[in-house]
Amino acid sequence: MTEAEEQALRTALAVLVQEHRDLDTAIAAMIEQSARDQLQLTRLKKRKLQLRDQIARIENALLPDIIA
């Protein structure tokens, strides 16, 4: 992996982590409200899981394979 590719992955990772945090905040705010939109809440939670998977894939790509 070139240095430019690694930097691009780190930048993408930072963006995804920030979006994941934002979704966490939005989900918490929706739960605190008395009028809950279950469909919207479910969509946000699903998107949050997708982001978590993308974050894990990028983190795995950035970490070198270590043969034990």
PDB file of N, CA and C in Angstrom:
ATOM      1  N   MET A   1       0.856  -1.167   0.000  1.00  0.00           N
ATOM      2  CA  MET A   1       0.000   0.000   0.000  1.00  0.00           C
ATOM      3  C   MET A   1       0.904   1.233   0.000  1.00  0.00           C
ATOM      4  N   THR A   2       0.598   2.151  -0.909  1.00  0.00           N
ATOM      5  CA  THR A   2       1.400   3.362  -0.987  1.00  0.00           C
ATOM      6  C   THR A   2       0.991   4.322   0.130  1.00  0.00           C
ATOM      7  N   GLU A   3       1.839   5.307   0.340  1.00  0.00           N
ATOM      8  CA  GLU A   3       1.576   6.292   1.379  1.00  0.00           C
ATOM      9  C   GLU A   3       0.314   7.094   1.056  1.00  0.00           C
ATOM     10  N   ALA A   4       0.094   7.387  -0.223  1.00  0.00           N
ATOM     11  CA  ALA A   4      -1.096   8.133  -0.629  1.00  0.00           C
ATOM     12  C   ALA A   4      -2.369   7.316  -0.383  1.00  0.00           C
ATOM     13  N   GLU A   5      -2.310   6.019  -0.679  1.00  0.00           N
ATOM     14  CA  GLU A   5      -3.464   5.153  -0.433  1.00  0.00           C
ATOM     15  C   GLU A   5      -3.772   5.065   1.059  1.00  0.00           C
ATOM     16  N   GLU A   6      -2.706   4.941   1.858  1.00  0.00           N
ATOM     17  CA  GLU A   6      -2.897   4.862   3.309  1.00  0.00           C
ATOM     18  C   GLU A   6      -3.510   6.157   3.842  1.00  0.00           C
ATOM     19  N   GLN A   7      -3.039   7.289   3.344  1.00  0.00           N
ATOM     20  CA  GLN A   7      -3.585   8.579   3.781  1.00  0.00           C
ATOM     21  C   GLN A   7      -5.050   8.709   3.372  1.00  0.00           C
ATOM     22  N   ALA A   8      -5.383   8.243   2.183  1.00  0.00           N
ATOM     23  CA  ALA A   8      -6.776   8.300   1.726  1.00  0.00           C
ATOM     24  C   ALA A   8      -7.667   7.430   2.620  1.00  0.00           C
ATOM     25  N   LEU A   9      -7.169   6.251   3.000  1.00  0.00           N
ATOM     26  CA  LEU A   9      -7.941   5.378   3.890  1.00  0.00           C
ATOM     27  C   LEU A   9      -8.114   6.014   5.265  1.00  0.00           C
ATOM     28  N   ARG A  10      -7.059   6.652   5.769  1.00  0.00           N
ATOM     29  CA  ARG A  10      -7.156   7.303   7.085  1.00  0.00           C
ATOM     30  C   ARG A  10      -8.151   8.467   7.054  1.00  0.00           C
ATOM     31  N   THR A  11      -8.170   9.195   5.956  1.00  0.00           N
ATOM     32  CA  THR A  11      -9.120  10.298   5.809  1.00  0.00           C
ATOM     33  C   THR A  11     -10.546   9.760   5.748  1.00  0.00           C
ATOM     34  N   ALA A  12     -10.753   8.716   4.958  1.00  0.00           N
ATOM     35  CA  ALA A  12     -12.078   8.107   4.866  1.00  0.00           C
ATOM     36  C   ALA A  12     -12.510   7.552   6.216  1.00  0.00           C
ATOM     37  N   LEU A  13     -11.578   6.972   6.950  1.00  0.00           N
ATOM     38  CA  LEU A  13     -11.870   6.434   8.276  1.00  0.00           C
ATOM     39  C   LEU A  13     -12.322   7.541   9.223  1.00  0.00           C
ATOM     40  N   ALA A  14     -11.646   8.664   9.187  1.00  0.00           N
ATOM     41  CA  ALA A  14     -12.009   9.781  10.057  1.00  0.00           C
ATOM     42  C   ALA A  14     -13.419  10.285   9.742  1.00  0.00           C
ATOM     43  N   VAL A  15     -13.756  10.355   8.461  1.00  0.00           N
ATOM     44  CA  VAL A  15     -15.089  10.804   8.052  1.00  0.00           C
ATOM     45  C   VAL A  15     -16.151   9.818   8.534  1.00  0.00           C
ATOM     46  N   LEU A  16     -15.898   8.535   8.370  1.00  0.00           N
ATOM     47  CA  LEU A  16     -16.859   7.517   8.786  1.00  0.00           C
ATOM     48  C   LEU A  16     -17.037   7.496  10.302  1.00  0.00           C
ATOM     49  N   VAL A  17     -15.952   7.648  11.035  1.00  0.00           N
ATOM     50  CA  VAL A  17     -16.044   7.672  12.499  1.00  0.00           C
ATOM     51  C   VAL A  17     -16.871   8.868  12.953  1.00  0.00           C
ATOM     52  N   GLN A  18     -16.659  10.021  12.324  1.00  0.00           N
ATOM     53  CA  GLN A  18     -17.436  11.212  12.688  1.00  0.00           C
ATOM     54  C   GLN A  18     -18.918  11.014  12.380  1.00  0.00           C
ATOM     55  N   GLU A  19     -19.220  10.436  11.218  1.00  0.00           N
ATOM     56  CA  GLU A  19     -20.620  10.182  10.870  1.00  0.00           C
ATOM     57  C   GLU A  19     -21.247   9.189  11.852  1.00  0.00           C
ATOM     58  N   HIS A  20     -20.471   8.181  12.270  1.00  0.00           N
ATOM     59  CA  HIS A  20     -20.952   7.192  13.239  1.00  0.00           C
ATOM     60  C   HIS A  20     -21.297   7.881  14.558  1.00  0.00           C
ATOM     61  N   ARG A  21     -20.425   8.790  15.008  1.00  0.00           N
ATOM     62  CA  ARG A  21     -20.691   9.539  16.244  1.00  0.00           C
ATOM     63  C   ARG A  21     -21.930  10.417  16.104  1.00  0.00           C
ATOM     64  N   ASP A  22     -22.058  11.062  14.956  1.00  0.00           N
ATOM     65  CA  ASP A  22     -23.222  11.915  14.723  1.00  0.00           C
ATOM     66  C   ASP A  22     -24.514  11.110  14.766  1.00  0.00           C
ATOM     67  N   LEU A  23     -24.493   9.936  14.157  1.00  0.00           N
ATOM     68  CA  LEU A  23     -25.668   9.075  14.183  1.00  0.00           C
ATOM     69  C   LEU A  23     -25.982   8.621  15.606  1.00  0.00           C
ATOM     70  N   ASP A  24     -24.956   8.330  16.368  1.00  0.00           N
ATOM     71  CA  ASP A  24     -25.155   7.929  17.760  1.00  0.00           C
ATOM     72  C   ASP A  24     -25.857   9.037  18.535  1.00  0.00           C
ATOM     73  N   THR A  25     -25.436  10.268  18.311  1.00  0.00           N
ATOM     74  CA  THR A  25     -26.059  11.422  18.962  1.00  0.00           C
ATOM     75  C   THR A  25     -27.501  11.594  18.503  1.00  0.00           C
ATOM     76  N   ALA A  26     -27.738  11.442  17.209  1.00  0.00           N
ATOM     77  CA  ALA A  26     -29.090  11.591  16.675  1.00  0.00           C
ATOM     78  C   ALA A  26     -30.022  10.504  17.208  1.00  0.00           C
ATOM     79  N   ILE A  27     -29.515   9.287  17.299  1.00  0.00           N
ATOM     80  CA  ILE A  27     -30.320   8.180  17.821  1.00  0.00           C
ATOM     81  C   ILE A  27     -30.661   8.429  19.281  1.00  0.00           C
ATOM     82  N   ALA A  28     -29.678   8.866  20.053  1.00  0.00           N
ATOM     83  CA  ALA A  28     -29.917   9.147  21.473  1.00  0.00           C
ATOM     84  C   ALA A  28     -30.960  10.258  21.633  1.00  0.00           C
ATOM     85  N   ALA A  29     -30.893  11.282  20.791  1.00  0.00           N
ATOM     86  CA  ALA A  29     -31.855  12.378  20.859  1.00  0.00           C
ATOM     87  C   ALA A  29     -33.259  11.898  20.511  1.00  0.00           C
ATOM     88  N   MET A  30     -33.362  11.029  19.510  1.00  0.00           N
ATOM     89  CA  MET A  30     -34.679  10.514  19.129  1.00  0.00           C
ATOM     90  C   MET A  30     -35.286   9.661  20.237  1.00  0.00           C
ATOM     91  N   ILE A  31     -34.442   8.888  20.908  1.00  0.00           N
ATOM     92  CA  ILE A  31     -34.930   8.028  21.980  1.00  0.00           C
ATOM     93  C   ILE A  31     -35.442   8.869  23.149  1.00  0.00           C
ATOM     94  N   GLU A  32     -34.766   9.985  23.417  1.00  0.00           N
ATOM     95  CA  GLU A  32     -35.166  10.863  24.522  1.00  0.00           C
ATOM     96  C   GLU A  32     -36.483  11.585  24.249  1.00  0.00           C
ATOM     97  N   GLN A  33     -36.799  11.814  22.982  1.00  0.00           N
ATOM     98  CA  GLN A  33     -38.046  12.496  22.642  1.00  0.00           C
ATOM     99  C   GLN A  33     -39.224  11.574  22.907  1.00  0.00           C
ATOM    100  N   SER A  34     -40.333  12.186  23.281  1.00  0.00           N
ATOM    101  CA  SER A  34     -41.516  11.374  23.561  1.00  0.00           C
ATOM    102  C   SER A  34     -42.156  10.832  22.280  1.00  0.00           C
ATOM    103  N   ALA A  35     -42.122  11.601  21.206  1.00  0.00           N
ATOM    104  CA  ALA A  35     -42.698  11.168  19.925  1.00  0.00           C
ATOM    105  C   ALA A  35     -41.607  10.476  19.114  1.00  0.00           C
ATOM    106  N   ARG A  36     -41.619   9.144  19.115  1.00  0.00           N
ATOM    107  CA  ARG A  36     -40.587   8.379  18.422  1.00  0.00           C
ATOM    108  C   ARG A  36     -41.087   7.919  17.055  1.00  0.00           C
ATOM    109  N   ASP A  37     -40.270   8.146  16.072  1.00  0.00           N
ATOM    110  CA  ASP A  37     -40.540   7.656  14.728  1.00  0.00           C
ATOM    111  C   ASP A  37     -39.734   6.373  14.567  1.00  0.00           C
ATOM    112  N   GLN A  38     -40.385   5.234  14.782  1.00  0.00           N
ATOM    113  CA  GLN A  38     -39.700   3.950  14.777  1.00  0.00           C
ATOM    114  C   GLN A  38     -39.032   3.646  13.440  1.00  0.00           C
ATOM    115  N   LEU A  39     -39.671   4.015  12.342  1.00  0.00           N
ATOM    116  CA  LEU A  39     -39.088   3.749  11.032  1.00  0.00           C
ATOM    117  C   LEU A  39     -37.781   4.526  10.862  1.00  0.00           C
ATOM    118  N   GLN A  40     -37.797   5.793  11.208  1.00  0.00           N
ATOM    119  CA  GLN A  40     -36.596   6.622  11.099  1.00  0.00           C
ATOM    120  C   GLN A  40     -35.509   6.115  12.053  1.00  0.00           C
ATOM    121  N   LEU A  41     -35.902   5.741  13.250  1.00  0.00           N
ATOM    122  CA  LEU A  41     -34.953   5.225  14.234  1.00  0.00           C
ATOM    123  C   LEU A  41     -34.297   3.934  13.726  1.00  0.00           C
ATOM    124  N   THR A  42     -35.094   3.061  13.140  1.00  0.00           N
ATOM    125  CA  THR A  42     -34.569   1.811  12.590  1.00  0.00           C
ATOM    126  C   THR A  42     -33.594   2.090  11.443  1.00  0.00           C
ATOM    127  N   ARG A  43     -33.920   3.054  10.598  1.00  0.00           N
ATOM    128  CA  ARG A  43     -33.035   3.406   9.479  1.00  0.00           C
ATOM    129  C   ARG A  43     -31.706   3.959   9.988  1.00  0.00           C
ATOM    130  N   LEU A  44     -31.767   4.809  11.012  1.00  0.00           N
ATOM    131  CA  LEU A  44     -30.535   5.368  11.566  1.00  0.00           C
ATOM    132  C   LEU A  44     -29.667   4.271  12.183  1.00  0.00           C
ATOM    133  N   LYS A  45     -30.298   3.349  12.890  1.00  0.00           N
ATOM    134  CA  LYS A  45     -29.545   2.258  13.509  1.00  0.00           C
ATOM    135  C   LYS A  45     -28.911   1.356  12.445  1.00  0.00           C
ATOM    136  N   LYS A  46     -29.633   1.111  11.375  1.00  0.00           N
ATOM    137  CA  LYS A  46     -29.101   0.281  10.284  1.00  0.00           C
ATOM    138  C   LYS A  46     -27.909   0.977   9.632  1.00  0.00           C
ATOM    139  N   ARG A  47     -28.029   2.272   9.403  1.00  0.00           N
ATOM    140  CA  ARG A  47     -26.920   3.039   8.807  1.00  0.00           C
ATOM    141  C   ARG A  47     -25.705   3.025   9.739  1.00  0.00           C
ATOM    142  N   LYS A  48     -25.965   3.121  11.040  1.00  0.00           N
ATOM    143  CA  LYS A  48     -24.877   3.094  12.017  1.00  0.00           C
ATOM    144  C   LYS A  48     -24.138   1.758  11.960  1.00  0.00           C
ATOM    145  N   LEU A  49     -24.878   0.661  11.822  1.00  0.00           N
ATOM    146  CA  LEU A  49     -24.241  -0.656  11.696  1.00  0.00           C
ATOM    147  C   LEU A  49     -23.427  -0.767  10.405  1.00  0.00           C
ATOM    148  N   GLN A  50     -23.948  -0.210   9.320  1.00  0.00           N
ATOM    149  CA  GLN A  50     -23.210  -0.226   8.058  1.00  0.00           C
ATOM    150  C   GLN A  50     -21.904   0.547   8.200  1.00  0.00           C
ATOM    151  N   LEU A  51     -21.969   1.688   8.878  1.00  0.00           N
ATOM    152  CA  LEU A  51     -20.764   2.479   9.092  1.00  0.00           C
ATOM    153  C   LEU A  51     -19.749   1.714   9.933  1.00  0.00           C
ATOM    154  N   ARG A  52     -20.240   1.030  10.966  1.00  0.00           N
ATOM    155  CA  ARG A  52     -19.343   0.247  11.818  1.00  0.00           C
ATOM    156  C   ARG A  52     -18.618  -0.821  10.999  1.00  0.00           C
ATOM    157  N   ASP A  53     -19.332  -1.462  10.084  1.00  0.00           N
ATOM    158  CA  ASP A  53     -18.718  -2.473   9.223  1.00  0.00           C
ATOM    159  C   ASP A  53     -17.666  -1.854   8.300  1.00  0.00           C
ATOM    160  N   GLN A  54     -17.981  -0.693   7.728  1.00  0.00           N
ATOM    161  CA  GLN A  54     -17.025  -0.011   6.860  1.00  0.00           C
ATOM    162  C   GLN A  54     -15.786   0.415   7.640  1.00  0.00           C
ATOM    163  N   ILE A  55     -15.989   0.898   8.855  1.00  0.00           N
ATOM    164  CA  ILE A  55     -14.870   1.308   9.704  1.00  0.00           C
ATOM    165  C   ILE A  55     -13.979   0.110   9.994  1.00  0.00           C
ATOM    166  N   ALA A  56     -14.576  -1.023  10.316  1.00  0.00           N
ATOM    167  CA  ALA A  56     -13.806  -2.231  10.609  1.00  0.00           C
ATOM    168  C   ALA A  56     -13.003  -2.677   9.387  1.00  0.00           C
ATOM    169  N   ARG A  57     -13.603  -2.605   8.204  1.00  0.00           N
ATOM    170  CA  ARG A  57     -12.888  -3.012   6.985  1.00  0.00           C
ATOM    171  C   ARG A  57     -11.674  -2.117   6.739  1.00  0.00           C
ATOM    172  N   ILE A  58     -11.855  -0.815   6.924  1.00  0.00           N
ATOM    173  CA  ILE A  58     -10.740   0.116   6.695  1.00  0.00           C
ATOM    174  C   ILE A  58      -9.654  -0.093   7.740  1.00  0.00           C
ATOM    175  N   GLU A  59     -10.054  -0.274   8.996  1.00  0.00           N
ATOM    176  CA  GLU A  59      -9.054  -0.519  10.047  1.00  0.00           C
ATOM    177  C   GLU A  59      -8.270  -1.788   9.763  1.00  0.00           C
ATOM    178  N   ASN A  60      -8.945  -2.818   9.276  1.00  0.00           N
ATOM    179  CA  ASN A  60      -8.251  -4.066   8.931  1.00  0.00           C
ATOM    180  C   ASN A  60      -7.295  -3.862   7.762  1.00  0.00           C
ATOM    181  N   ALA A  61      -7.674  -3.025   6.815  1.00  0.00           N
ATOM    182  CA  ALA A  61      -6.803  -2.750   5.673  1.00  0.00           C
ATOM    183  C   ALA A  61      -5.569  -1.965   6.109  1.00  0.00           C
ATOM    184  N   LEU A  62      -5.710  -1.131   7.126  1.00  0.00           N
ATOM    185  CA  LEU A  62      -4.585  -0.323   7.581  1.00  0.00           C
ATOM    186  C   LEU A  62      -3.610  -1.101   8.458  1.00  0.00           C
ATOM    187  N   LEU A  63      -4.108  -2.120   9.131  1.00  0.00           N
ATOM    188  CA  LEU A  63      -3.238  -2.905   9.997  1.00  0.00           C
ATOM    189  C   LEU A  63      -2.547  -3.998   9.176  1.00  0.00           C
ATOM    190  N   PRO A  64      -1.255  -4.120   9.335  1.00  0.00           N
ATOM    191  CA  PRO A  64      -0.552  -5.179   8.591  1.00  0.00           C
ATOM    192  C   PRO A  64      -0.898  -6.547   9.165  1.00  0.00           C
ATOM    193  N   ASP A  65      -0.889  -7.543   8.301  1.00  0.00           N
ATOM    194  CA  ASP A  65      -1.115  -8.918   8.745  1.00  0.00           C
ATOM    195  C   ASP A  65       0.106  -9.401   9.506  1.00  0.00           C
ATOM    196  N   ILE A  66      -0.141  -9.933  10.694  1.00  0.00           N
ATOM    197  CA  ILE A  66       0.937 -10.453  11.513  1.00  0.00           C
ATOM    198  C   ILE A  66       0.746 -11.958  11.643  1.00  0.00           C
ATOM    199  N   ILE A  67       1.718 -12.695  11.180  1.00  0.00           N
ATOM    200  CA  ILE A  67       1.648 -14.144  11.267  1.00  0.00           C
ATOM    201  C   ILE A  67       2.209 -14.562  12.626  1.00  0.00           C
ATOM    202  N   ALA A  68       1.367 -15.204  13.423  1.00  0.00           N
ATOM    203  CA  ALA A  68       1.806 -15.584  14.773  1.00  0.00           C
ATOM    204  C   ALA A  68       2.416 -16.952  14.767  1.00  0.00           C
TER     205      ALA A  68
END
